[in-house]
Every structure is written in structure tokens, then in C-alpha cells.
Amino acid sequence: MPETYDVTVIGAGVTGAAIARKLSSYKLKTVVVEKECDVSFGVSKANSGIIHGGFHHDFSALKSRLEIRGNILFDQLKEELHFPFKRCGIVVAAFSSDEMRTVEKLYENGIQNGAVGIELCNHDRMLYLEPKLNKDVVGGLFAPGGGIVEPYRLVFSLMESAKKNGVELLTKFKVKSGTLKNDLYTIEAEDGRNIQSRWVINAAGLYCDEISCIFGAEEYTINVRKGEEFLLDKNATAYTSRVVFPVPSKDSKGMLVIPTVEGTTMVGPTATIIDNKEDYSTTKENFKKIFSSARRLVPVVSERDITTSFTGMRPTLEGDDFYIEMSKKKDRFIQVAGIQSPGLTASPAIAEYVKDIMKRNGLELIEKPDYDPNIDKVPRFRNSSKEEIDKLIEENPAYGEIICRCENITEAEIIASIREGHDSLDGIKFYTRARMGRCQGGFCTYKIMKIVCRETGCSMNDITKRGGESWIVNKKIGDFTTGSKS
């Protein structure tokens, strides 16, 4: 007989992980199913990591109300989950009187939404807040409540907390079918695994429309908005003290200059609607467009500082708002779709919102007396004092072995990642930041692979970049080196 759960969450991005953590505080048997080999490997892995300030949308939008509530929750979340987060503030830079009129509308949105401390700024105030801004700035907006976060670490921490409190996680579980019979959904994966569940939450990101069809729920289309971004080295002079937005257009918040919470600088993203949900390519045309836009905001941005480029996908719906409600076609099936920007900011509030929907529709929620919202803080060598480092090495000599020199990541941190279940190279990268520095893994990848083999008992042939068939070592080369015939 397949395992039976009270609630199944489909999708282990920031939305699904936040929902799972919220449900883990109640006496429910909850499972998260994820088609990738690890959490955050979908939309969330390429999120820009901005905690939005509550001014881009007016209060009539659901996304705006959840953004404001979610923003407020991040300080407590950081205390409980220890992910990198900083309230550095957001500035929106205007370069003409026409742009200032748009900024005034954003200010009105912020006031209506209750955004804390939001202010209209003149030329001098903008340059005081961010000295690296283009001196041609006319004025703009300052939202001190905005901030930056490392998105994948947030997802990992949310899921770790959920698992600590009883939630199960099934990875490589690509949903093939979902049928409702006798008040239970039977959910089958492509690999033949089956589970049963009373409730289903569709938080599948880019694939919410496909999951909805599989379960016979509403028919709608996820429009994929592709965004190309570039990451600059930690030594880049372009690193700003605030997140710098341009004045938005009707289709996009624009291409930004973002100081990441770990010290690099991100520029982008573009916003292009595409048909292919797997198109992660970057283009020379957009490269030029991004850097031209970024230099308009911060003139010292330079292509010479690029360490890598990547593409993120945003799942959008007609109307451009979140779609979070009970299915009108299927019992106990909840749609959580169209979660694009500011979805990461809103994620803890989305979790509360979904929980309330379930309660109103008959789910009995009994709080666990032993629920613990806190997870253990993993020591980070690069953030430790000399005294703390000495103590760490004394307790665990693996903290004395630097594996990733660019980011100062130790063997102990790599091991901790693997023992938490993150054994693909990207999983280890997102958990520890190993391979994220200037050399992009050129010096440390082989060392990391040897540690994976030692810790898991696998061979080099089995190690993947991100699961599936993304092997690092060519199978034929591997077979040849071990002396077997290919």
C-alpha cells in the first residue's frame, strides 16, 4: 500500500518550502514532492535575492499585500533559520521629470501599502544614500525596509526546519498522474512511486499549469518570463550599499544593480516572454543591454568584473497577480501559481495565506506542543573570528582544510552539506558557496568530488552537477579508467 499523507506539497522552491514549514507546526502528516534532485533547483535557484520594499504594486493586488506581510516576517525568520539576510534598503533612481512622476506613483503605492519609512528624495539625498549613483540622477525613492537575501540558503533552511518538525521530502519525484477516489488523491511519479494524500497544494512554479491539468483542475497557462543576469566579482568597484532600481516600465521592474548579501554584485535581469521552459541560454544582445542599463544607474559597472552569467525563469499569469485559492473543480486542491516577483519576499506570508485557506475549507489544525522553529547554525569559516576558527579546528580538524579558496569554504562545511543530503555539485554550491568565486570551481571541483565519493561511497561516474544525466565525468572515460569495457 502506498504511504498516505494529510497534505502533499508539489514543488520544493521557496513557496513550497515555506508552506511545508508552516504546516510542520501542526499535527499533520505532510510530504513535499520535487521533480529535481534537490530543493530550490527550479525557479528559486536563480532568484535575484531581493526583499522588496512594498511600493511597486498598489494595495488591490494580492501580491502587494503578501509582499508587505512577508517583508515583516524576515527578521524573525533569520533569527530562527540563520540564512544570510540584510536590510540594506532600496533606491529607485529617476533621471527625468517624467520618471519622477512615475516615482511619485510608487511613493503613493508605498504609503497606501504601509511600507515603513518610504521617502521621496531629491538629487542630493539620492547621492547621499548611494554615492555610486550616476550624478545625473534627478531624484528618486528610498525604501529602507528593502533588503537582500541568499535565496537558495533560505530555501534549504526552510526545508531543513520543516523536516526537523516531521515533514518528509521526496526528490526526483516527477508527478505523472493524480487521481481522486474515496476522498484520497493517488499521486504517481514517473519512476513508479505512489503516495496518497487528502490534500494537494500545487506549488510547482513554472509547471503549475501542467500539474493542474494532470489533476483535472483548472486550465490556465504559465507564461515564462526569462531573465538573464550577470554576476560580478567581490572586488568589483560597482558594489553598492543599496539595491538600485531604475524607474519601472509597465512590463518590468527593470534591470538592476544588486549588491548580494555575500559581497558580489549582480546586474540584470532582462524580461522576455518565451515558450520554452528549459531555455536557460544567455545572449550577446542582452549582455550589451544589461550593462548599458546598469551603467546608466552606476557608471563604474564594468564587464571586466564578470565571473559568471545565468538565466532565471519567472512564472507569470494573465493579469500578473498571484493565483492562490481553492480549486473550483477539485476538492482539497489548492492552486499556488504565478508566484513571480515579489514571490520570495511574500513566501512566508503565502504560507500563512495557504494555511488559512485550508483551515476555512475544513482542515483541522492542531498545533504541535513540541514544534521547534529553530535549526542549528552551521559554523561558516569565512564569517568566523580567529578565536572562533581556532576553536572550530580544535573540535573538528576538517575546519582547518580550505577546499574552496575563492570563498574560504572548508572541508567540514562540504561534509555538512553532503550529510544534509546535498550531494550534487550544485546542491553543495548552493549550501556552502563552494565554486561560486572568481574561478567558478576551477581549483576546488575535483577536491569536492573526492569528498562526495568518500562520504557517500559513490564513484566519480555517479556525481552529477544537478541530478539527472548532468554527470561530471563522461561515462565512457570513467569505464575506460576502471578497466571495464564500454
Protein backbone atom coordinates (compact mmCIF):
# COMPACT_ATOMS: atom_id res chain seq x y z
CA MET A 1 0.00 0.00 0.00
CA PRO A 2 1.27 3.49 -0.81
CA GLU A 3 2.08 5.84 2.06
CA THR A 4 -0.84 8.11 2.98
CA TYR A 5 -0.43 11.77 3.95
CA ASP A 6 -2.71 14.55 5.10
CA VAL A 7 -1.07 17.10 2.79
CA THR A 8 1.18 16.83 -0.27
CA VAL A 9 3.02 19.93 -1.44
CA ILE A 10 4.15 19.71 -5.06
CA GLY A 11 7.29 21.77 -5.56
CA ALA A 12 10.25 22.46 -3.27
CA GLY A 13 11.07 26.03 -4.22
CA VAL A 14 10.77 28.90 -1.77
CA THR A 15 6.96 28.84 -1.88
CA GLY A 16 6.60 25.10 -1.34
CA ALA A 17 9.29 25.07 1.36
CA ALA A 18 7.67 27.97 3.22
CA ILE A 19 4.27 26.26 3.09
CA ALA A 20 5.78 22.97 4.30
CA ARG A 21 7.45 24.70 7.23
CA LYS A 22 4.22 26.43 8.23
CA LEU A 23 2.30 23.13 8.11
CA SER A 24 5.04 21.40 10.13
CA SER A 25 3.87 23.31 13.20
CA TYR A 26 0.58 21.38 13.15
CA LYS A 27 -0.31 17.75 13.80
CA LEU A 28 -0.35 16.79 10.14
CA LYS A 29 1.45 14.19 8.09
CA THR A 30 2.95 16.30 5.31
CA VAL A 31 5.17 15.46 2.36
CA VAL A 32 6.88 17.62 -0.24
CA VAL A 33 7.48 16.09 -3.67
CA GLU A 34 10.05 17.63 -6.02
CA LYS A 35 10.99 16.54 -9.54
CA GLU A 36 14.61 17.72 -9.20
CA CYS A 37 17.32 16.04 -7.12
CA ASP A 38 17.35 18.81 -4.53
CA VAL A 39 15.27 21.70 -3.23
CA SER A 40 15.46 25.20 -4.80
CA PHE A 41 16.63 23.79 -8.17
CA GLY A 42 13.72 25.33 -10.10
CA VAL A 43 12.74 29.00 -10.19
CA SER A 44 14.27 29.72 -6.77
CA LYS A 45 17.88 28.90 -7.65
CA ALA A 46 18.20 31.92 -9.97
CA ASN A 47 16.19 34.38 -7.88
CA SER A 48 17.78 37.83 -7.60
CA GLY A 49 17.56 37.62 -3.80
CA ILE A 50 15.77 40.94 -3.21
CA ILE A 51 13.44 41.51 -0.27
CA HIS A 52 11.11 44.04 -1.86
CA GLY A 53 10.00 47.24 -0.20
CA GLY A 54 6.25 47.23 -0.88
CA PHE A 55 5.89 50.02 -3.43
CA HIS A 56 5.82 48.51 -6.93
CA HIS A 57 2.15 47.46 -6.80
CA ASP A 58 -0.95 49.06 -5.29
CA PHE A 59 -2.87 47.51 -2.43
CA SER A 60 -5.53 45.97 -4.70
CA ALA A 61 -3.04 43.29 -5.80
CA LEU A 62 -2.80 40.16 -3.67
CA LYS A 63 0.94 40.08 -4.34
CA SER A 64 1.30 43.54 -2.80
CA ARG A 65 -0.48 42.65 0.43
CA LEU A 66 1.51 39.44 0.81
CA GLU A 67 4.75 41.26 -0.02
CA ILE A 68 4.26 43.71 2.86
CA ARG A 69 3.41 40.94 5.33
CA GLY A 70 6.25 38.71 4.11
CA ASN A 71 8.80 41.50 4.36
CA ILE A 72 7.94 41.99 8.04
CA LEU A 73 8.45 38.29 8.81
CA PHE A 74 12.05 38.10 7.57
CA ASP A 75 13.74 39.39 10.70
CA GLN A 76 12.23 36.61 12.80
CA LEU A 77 12.93 34.03 10.09
CA LYS A 78 16.61 34.99 10.05
CA GLU A 79 16.86 34.56 13.82
CA GLU A 80 15.33 31.09 13.59
CA LEU A 81 16.94 29.81 10.38
CA HIS A 82 20.32 31.63 10.12
CA PHE A 83 20.30 32.34 6.38
CA PRO A 84 22.19 35.41 5.06
CA PHE A 85 19.86 38.45 5.12
CA LYS A 86 20.43 42.20 5.31
CA ARG A 87 18.08 45.19 5.28
CA CYS A 88 20.27 47.43 3.14
CA GLY A 89 17.36 49.41 1.65
CA ILE A 90 16.26 50.02 -1.94
CA VAL A 91 16.61 53.16 -4.05
CA VAL A 92 14.76 53.86 -7.31
CA ALA A 93 16.74 56.32 -9.43
CA ALA A 94 14.95 58.78 -11.74
CA PHE A 95 16.73 60.74 -14.49
CA SER A 96 13.93 62.99 -15.81
CA SER A 97 10.79 64.81 -14.70
CA ASP A 98 8.69 62.14 -16.45
CA GLU A 99 10.45 59.43 -14.46
CA MET A 100 9.89 61.40 -11.25
CA ARG A 101 6.14 61.38 -11.92
CA THR A 102 6.32 57.57 -12.01
CA VAL A 103 8.36 57.61 -8.80
CA GLU A 104 5.64 59.71 -7.15
CA LYS A 105 3.13 56.99 -8.05
CA LEU A 106 5.43 54.36 -6.50
CA TYR A 107 5.64 56.52 -3.37
CA GLU A 108 1.83 56.69 -3.21
CA ASN A 109 1.71 52.89 -3.53
CA GLY A 110 4.19 52.56 -0.68
CA ILE A 111 2.24 54.91 1.59
CA GLN A 112 -1.03 53.10 0.83
CA ASN A 113 0.61 49.73 1.46
CA GLY A 114 2.14 50.82 4.75
CA ALA A 115 5.77 50.48 3.62
CA VAL A 116 7.85 51.57 6.62
CA GLY A 117 9.99 54.70 6.22
CA ILE A 118 9.47 55.18 2.48
CA GLU A 119 10.51 58.62 1.22
CA LEU A 120 10.71 60.77 -1.90
CA CYS A 121 14.23 62.04 -2.50
CA ASN A 122 15.89 64.88 -4.37
CA HIS A 123 19.22 64.76 -6.20
CA ASP A 124 21.36 65.39 -3.12
CA ARG A 125 19.52 62.88 -0.95
CA MET A 126 19.88 60.14 -3.58
CA LEU A 127 23.63 60.65 -3.84
CA TYR A 128 23.92 60.68 -0.07
CA LEU A 129 22.07 57.36 0.13
CA GLU A 130 24.10 55.82 -2.72
CA PRO A 131 27.26 57.75 -3.69
CA LYS A 132 27.97 55.46 -6.66
CA LEU A 133 24.81 56.54 -8.46
CA ASN A 134 25.08 58.39 -11.76
CA LYS A 135 25.47 62.09 -10.90
CA ASP A 136 22.74 62.90 -13.44
CA VAL A 137 20.13 61.44 -11.10
CA VAL A 138 17.25 63.91 -10.66
CA GLY A 139 15.69 62.29 -7.62
CA GLY A 140 14.01 59.07 -6.66
CA LEU A 141 12.60 56.86 -3.95
CA PHE A 142 14.11 55.27 -0.84
CA ALA A 143 12.57 52.21 0.82
CA PRO A 144 14.67 51.42 3.92
CA GLY A 145 12.73 48.20 4.59
CA GLY A 146 14.02 46.54 1.44
CA GLY A 147 16.90 44.13 1.61
CA ILE A 148 18.86 41.22 0.19
CA VAL A 149 18.94 37.51 0.95
CA GLU A 150 20.73 34.42 -0.35
CA PRO A 151 17.72 32.68 -1.93
CA TYR A 152 18.88 29.05 -2.06
CA ARG A 153 20.11 29.14 1.53
CA LEU A 154 16.68 30.46 2.52
CA VAL A 155 15.00 27.50 0.78
CA PHE A 156 17.42 24.98 2.29
CA SER A 157 16.82 26.42 5.77
CA LEU A 158 13.03 26.42 5.39
CA MET A 159 13.08 22.80 4.28
CA GLU A 160 15.53 21.77 6.99
CA SER A 161 13.18 23.28 9.57
CA ALA A 162 10.17 21.54 8.03
CA LYS A 163 11.96 18.17 8.04
CA LYS A 164 13.10 18.67 11.63
CA ASN A 165 9.42 19.02 12.55
CA GLY A 166 8.25 15.91 10.70
CA VAL A 167 7.74 16.85 7.06
CA GLU A 168 9.01 14.28 4.56
CA LEU A 169 10.78 15.21 1.32
CA LEU A 170 10.71 13.05 -1.81
CA THR A 171 13.10 14.25 -4.51
CA LYS A 172 13.32 13.03 -8.13
CA PHE A 173 9.53 12.62 -7.85
CA LYS A 174 8.17 13.92 -11.14
CA VAL A 175 4.39 13.73 -10.94
CA LYS A 176 2.88 11.63 -13.72
CA SER A 177 -0.73 11.32 -12.58
CA GLY A 178 -3.07 12.44 -9.82
CA THR A 179 -6.49 10.86 -9.33
CA LEU A 180 -9.10 11.44 -6.63
CA LYS A 181 -11.05 8.47 -5.29
CA ASN A 182 -12.78 7.92 -1.94
CA ASP A 183 -11.53 11.28 -0.59
CA LEU A 184 -7.88 10.39 -1.32
CA TYR A 185 -5.62 11.54 -4.11
CA THR A 186 -3.32 8.89 -5.54
CA ILE A 187 -0.19 10.58 -6.85
CA GLU A 188 2.14 8.61 -9.10
CA ALA A 189 5.66 9.58 -10.10
CA GLU A 190 7.21 8.78 -13.47
CA ASP A 191 9.52 6.26 -11.79
CA GLY A 192 6.54 4.29 -10.46
CA ARG A 193 6.46 5.52 -6.86
CA ASN A 194 2.98 6.15 -5.45
CA ILE A 195 1.65 8.11 -2.50
CA GLN A 196 -1.84 9.03 -1.31
CA SER A 197 -2.98 12.34 0.15
CA ARG A 198 -6.11 14.04 1.45
CA TRP A 199 -4.97 17.50 0.32
CA VAL A 200 -2.74 18.64 -2.55
CA ILE A 201 -1.01 22.01 -2.83
CA ASN A 202 0.17 22.91 -6.31
CA ALA A 203 3.33 25.00 -5.81
CA ALA A 204 5.15 23.70 -8.88
CA GLY A 205 6.41 27.05 -10.18
CA LEU A 206 6.84 27.02 -13.96
CA TYR A 207 4.89 23.76 -14.12
CA CYS A 208 1.80 24.72 -12.09
CA ASP A 209 -0.31 24.72 -15.26
CA GLU A 210 0.83 21.20 -16.17
CA ILE A 211 0.24 19.87 -12.64
CA SER A 212 -3.23 21.43 -12.62
CA CYS A 213 -4.08 19.61 -15.85
CA ILE A 214 -2.68 16.31 -14.54
CA PHE A 215 -5.09 16.51 -11.58
CA GLY A 216 -8.05 17.62 -13.71
CA ALA A 217 -8.21 21.02 -12.05
CA GLU A 218 -8.32 24.45 -13.72
CA GLU A 219 -6.82 25.04 -17.14
CA TYR A 220 -4.52 28.05 -17.38
CA THR A 221 -1.20 28.93 -18.96
CA ILE A 222 2.02 29.85 -17.21
CA ASN A 223 3.84 32.42 -19.32
CA VAL A 224 7.58 32.15 -18.83
CA ARG A 225 9.39 35.44 -18.35
CA LYS A 226 13.07 34.83 -18.92
CA GLY A 227 15.66 36.97 -17.17
CA GLU A 228 19.37 36.98 -17.95
CA GLU A 229 21.74 38.20 -15.23
CA PHE A 230 25.47 38.65 -14.71
CA LEU A 231 27.46 38.24 -11.51
CA LEU A 232 30.47 40.44 -10.80
CA ASP A 233 33.48 39.64 -8.66
CA LYS A 234 33.65 40.58 -4.97
CA ASN A 235 36.44 43.02 -5.79
CA ALA A 236 34.28 44.95 -8.26
CA THR A 237 34.03 48.67 -7.52
CA ALA A 238 30.39 48.51 -8.62
CA TYR A 239 29.29 47.03 -5.28
CA THR A 240 26.68 49.44 -3.92
CA SER A 241 25.35 49.93 -0.41
CA ARG A 242 21.71 49.70 -1.59
CA VAL A 243 19.73 47.76 -4.18
CA VAL A 244 19.46 50.16 -7.13
CA PHE A 245 16.31 50.04 -9.27
CA PRO A 246 15.59 52.03 -12.40
CA VAL A 247 12.15 53.54 -12.83
CA PRO A 248 9.96 50.55 -13.89
CA SER A 249 8.11 50.11 -17.17
CA LYS A 250 4.63 48.63 -17.48
CA ASP A 251 6.16 45.20 -18.22
CA SER A 252 9.13 45.00 -15.87
CA LYS A 253 10.77 46.40 -12.75
CA GLY A 254 13.77 46.96 -14.99
CA MET A 255 17.42 45.95 -14.96
CA LEU A 256 19.03 46.50 -11.57
CA VAL A 257 22.33 46.76 -9.78
CA ILE A 258 22.11 44.43 -6.79
CA PRO A 259 24.68 44.11 -4.00
CA THR A 260 24.29 40.48 -2.99
CA VAL A 261 24.33 39.59 0.68
CA GLU A 262 27.59 37.64 0.25
CA GLY A 263 29.51 40.53 -1.32
CA THR A 264 29.23 40.06 -5.09
CA THR A 265 27.33 42.37 -7.44
CA MET A 266 24.51 41.25 -9.71
CA VAL A 267 23.28 43.16 -12.76
CA GLY A 268 20.05 42.42 -14.61
CA PRO A 269 17.65 40.78 -15.21
CA THR A 270 16.07 41.10 -18.62
CA ALA A 271 12.38 40.29 -19.03
CA THR A 272 11.45 38.36 -22.16
CA ILE A 273 8.39 36.14 -22.57
CA ILE A 274 9.42 32.79 -24.10
CA ASP A 275 7.72 29.49 -24.90
CA ASN A 276 10.45 27.09 -23.79
CA LYS A 277 10.56 26.46 -20.03
CA GLU A 278 14.03 24.90 -20.39
CA ASP A 279 15.75 27.71 -22.31
CA TYR A 280 18.50 28.87 -19.94
CA SER A 281 20.71 30.38 -22.64
CA THR A 282 22.24 33.84 -22.45
CA THR A 283 22.83 36.12 -25.43
CA LYS A 284 25.34 38.75 -26.52
CA GLU A 285 22.49 41.11 -27.32
CA ASN A 286 21.13 41.00 -23.79
CA PHE A 287 24.64 41.21 -22.36
CA LYS A 288 25.05 44.60 -24.03
CA LYS A 289 21.57 45.71 -22.98
CA ILE A 290 22.11 44.78 -19.33
CA PHE A 291 25.45 46.55 -18.97
CA SER A 292 24.21 49.65 -20.77
CA SER A 293 21.26 49.83 -18.39
CA ALA A 294 23.41 49.12 -15.33
CA ARG A 295 25.95 51.83 -16.24
CA ARG A 296 23.12 54.35 -16.58
CA LEU A 297 22.45 53.72 -12.89
CA VAL A 298 26.00 53.07 -11.62
CA PRO A 299 28.68 54.21 -14.12
CA VAL A 300 31.50 52.14 -12.57
CA VAL A 301 29.84 48.84 -13.53
CA SER A 302 32.33 47.01 -15.76
CA GLU A 303 32.22 43.86 -17.92
CA ARG A 304 35.80 43.13 -16.80
CA ASP A 305 34.45 42.07 -13.40
CA ILE A 306 32.14 39.30 -14.70
CA THR A 307 32.60 35.91 -13.04
CA THR A 308 29.54 34.17 -14.49
CA SER A 309 26.16 34.65 -16.15
CA PHE A 310 22.91 32.78 -15.66
CA THR A 311 19.23 32.82 -16.52
CA GLY A 312 16.21 32.76 -14.25
CA MET A 313 12.63 31.97 -15.19
CA ARG A 314 9.60 33.71 -13.71
CA PRO A 315 6.17 32.05 -13.89
CA THR A 316 3.62 34.69 -14.86
CA LEU A 317 -0.13 34.59 -15.40
CA GLU A 318 -2.51 36.82 -17.34
CA GLY A 319 -3.31 39.70 -15.01
CA ASP A 320 0.19 39.50 -13.48
CA ASP A 321 -1.01 38.71 -9.93
CA PHE A 322 -0.59 35.66 -7.71
CA TYR A 323 -3.22 32.92 -8.09
CA ILE A 324 -3.72 31.41 -4.64
CA GLU A 325 -7.09 29.79 -3.99
CA MET A 326 -9.00 26.54 -3.67
CA SER A 327 -9.68 24.78 -6.94
CA LYS A 328 -13.26 25.13 -8.07
CA LYS A 329 -13.01 21.82 -9.93
CA LYS A 330 -11.22 19.53 -7.48
CA ASP A 331 -11.82 19.08 -3.76
CA ARG A 332 -8.98 19.91 -1.39
CA PHE A 333 -6.69 21.01 -4.23
CA ILE A 334 -5.06 24.43 -3.78
CA GLN A 335 -3.55 26.48 -6.58
CA VAL A 336 -0.44 28.47 -5.67
CA ALA A 337 0.54 29.71 -9.12
CA GLY A 338 2.01 32.73 -10.86
CA ILE A 339 4.43 33.30 -7.99
CA GLN A 340 6.90 35.65 -9.63
CA SER A 341 8.42 38.80 -8.14
CA PRO A 342 7.88 39.60 -5.26
CA GLY A 343 7.29 35.91 -4.56
CA LEU A 344 10.42 35.34 -2.49
CA THR A 345 9.58 38.33 -0.28
CA ALA A 346 5.99 37.16 0.05
CA SER A 347 6.81 33.48 0.64
CA PRO A 348 6.32 33.37 4.45
CA ALA A 349 3.07 35.30 4.06
CA ILE A 350 1.95 32.99 1.23
CA ALA A 351 2.46 30.09 3.65
CA GLU A 352 0.17 31.76 6.20
CA TYR A 353 -2.38 32.54 3.49
CA VAL A 354 -2.47 28.94 2.25
CA LYS A 355 -2.78 27.62 5.81
CA ASP A 356 -5.77 29.91 6.39
CA ILE A 357 -7.43 28.75 3.16
CA MET A 358 -7.08 25.13 4.26
CA LYS A 359 -8.48 25.89 7.70
CA ARG A 360 -11.51 27.70 6.25
CA ASN A 361 -12.15 24.72 4.00
CA GLY A 362 -12.24 22.08 6.67
CA LEU A 363 -8.69 21.07 7.53
CA GLU A 364 -8.34 20.59 11.29
CA LEU A 365 -5.21 22.34 12.51
CA ILE A 366 -3.92 21.35 15.92
CA GLU A 367 -0.66 22.96 16.98
CA LYS A 368 2.23 20.70 17.94
CA PRO A 369 3.31 21.34 21.52
CA ASP A 370 6.87 20.31 20.64
CA TYR A 371 7.20 22.39 17.45
CA ASP A 372 10.67 23.97 17.27
CA PRO A 373 11.08 26.80 14.74
CA ASN A 374 14.86 26.93 15.16
CA ILE A 375 17.54 24.99 13.32
CA ASP A 376 21.19 24.66 14.28
CA LYS A 377 23.51 27.32 12.95
CA VAL A 378 26.23 25.80 10.76
CA PRO A 379 29.57 27.50 11.51
CA ARG A 380 30.95 29.34 8.47
CA PHE A 381 34.74 29.63 8.39
CA ARG A 382 34.67 32.84 6.33
CA ASN A 383 32.42 34.60 8.87
CA SER A 384 34.32 33.49 11.98
CA SER A 385 36.84 35.36 14.13
CA LYS A 386 40.36 33.99 14.67
CA GLU A 387 39.34 32.77 18.12
CA GLU A 388 36.26 31.04 16.72
CA ILE A 389 38.33 29.44 13.94
CA ASP A 390 40.85 28.08 16.44
CA LYS A 391 38.01 26.56 18.46
CA LEU A 392 36.37 25.07 15.35
CA ILE A 393 39.61 23.42 14.22
CA GLU A 394 40.24 22.09 17.72
CA GLU A 395 36.79 20.48 17.76
CA ASN A 396 36.88 19.36 14.11
CA PRO A 397 40.21 19.39 12.19
CA ALA A 398 38.29 19.44 8.88
CA TYR A 399 37.70 23.15 9.52
CA GLY A 400 41.43 23.59 9.02
CA GLU A 401 41.33 22.33 5.42
CA ILE A 402 40.30 25.01 2.91
CA ILE A 403 38.68 23.41 -0.15
CA CYS A 404 37.34 26.48 -1.99
CA ARG A 405 39.98 29.23 -1.79
CA CYS A 406 37.86 31.90 -3.51
CA GLU A 407 35.09 31.70 -0.91
CA ASN A 408 37.05 30.25 2.03
CA ILE A 409 34.93 27.10 2.30
CA THR A 410 36.32 24.29 4.42
CA GLU A 411 36.15 20.52 4.19
CA ALA A 412 33.92 20.49 7.28
CA GLU A 413 31.32 22.67 5.51
CA ILE A 414 31.37 20.45 2.41
CA ILE A 415 30.83 17.39 4.61
CA ALA A 416 27.96 19.09 6.47
CA SER A 417 26.27 19.82 3.14
CA ILE A 418 26.57 16.22 1.96
CA ARG A 419 25.24 14.88 5.27
CA GLU A 420 22.22 17.16 4.89
CA GLY A 421 21.52 15.38 1.60
CA HIS A 422 23.00 17.90 -0.83
CA ASP A 423 25.36 15.65 -2.79
CA SER A 424 25.20 17.10 -6.31
CA LEU A 425 27.77 19.76 -7.13
CA ASP A 426 25.09 22.46 -7.43
CA GLY A 427 23.48 21.35 -4.17
CA ILE A 428 26.84 21.68 -2.41
CA LYS A 429 27.46 25.01 -4.13
CA PHE A 430 24.13 26.50 -3.03
CA TYR A 431 24.51 25.19 0.53
CA THR A 432 28.11 26.30 1.07
CA ARG A 433 29.05 28.76 -1.76
CA ALA A 434 31.92 26.49 -2.84
CA ARG A 435 32.54 27.02 -6.60
CA MET A 436 30.85 30.46 -6.54
CA GLY A 437 34.00 32.56 -6.52
CA ARG A 438 36.28 34.03 -9.16
CA CYS A 439 37.48 30.67 -10.52
CA GLN A 440 33.96 29.16 -10.59
CA GLY A 441 35.20 25.81 -9.32
CA GLY A 442 38.35 25.58 -11.41
CA PHE A 443 40.51 24.72 -8.40
CA CYS A 444 38.09 23.04 -5.99
CA THR A 445 35.70 20.88 -8.05
CA TYR A 446 37.93 17.79 -8.04
CA LYS A 447 38.52 18.08 -4.28
CA ILE A 448 34.77 18.35 -3.69
CA MET A 449 34.12 15.30 -5.86
CA LYS A 450 36.62 13.26 -3.87
CA ILE A 451 34.85 14.24 -0.64
CA VAL A 452 31.47 13.24 -2.13
CA CYS A 453 32.86 9.83 -3.09
CA ARG A 454 34.33 9.33 0.36
CA GLU A 455 31.19 10.40 2.21
CA THR A 456 28.60 8.61 0.07
CA GLY A 457 30.50 5.61 -1.28
CA CYS A 458 29.67 6.55 -4.88
CA SER A 459 32.15 6.67 -7.75
CA MET A 460 33.22 9.72 -9.74
CA ASN A 461 30.96 8.47 -12.54
CA ASP A 462 27.90 8.87 -10.33
CA ILE A 463 28.41 12.52 -9.38
CA THR A 464 26.20 15.00 -11.17
CA LYS A 465 26.10 18.75 -11.45
CA ARG A 466 22.37 18.98 -10.74
CA GLY A 467 20.93 15.47 -10.90
CA GLY A 468 19.53 13.61 -13.87
CA GLU A 469 22.11 12.98 -16.57
CA SER A 470 24.29 16.00 -15.74
CA TRP A 471 27.31 13.79 -14.99
CA ILE A 472 30.64 15.49 -14.44
CA VAL A 473 32.75 12.54 -15.60
CA ASN A 474 31.97 11.09 -19.01
CA LYS A 475 30.71 7.54 -18.55
CA LYS A 476 32.94 6.11 -21.26
CA ILE A 477 36.03 7.80 -19.85
CA GLY A 478 35.11 6.51 -16.41
CA ASP A 479 34.62 2.95 -17.68
CA PHE A 480 37.95 3.10 -19.51
CA THR A 481 39.86 4.28 -16.44
CA THR A 482 38.42 1.49 -14.32
CA GLY A 483 39.46 -1.07 -16.91
CA SER A 484 35.98 -2.22 -17.92
CA LYS A 485 34.64 -2.33 -21.47
CA SER A 486 32.27 0.39 -22.62
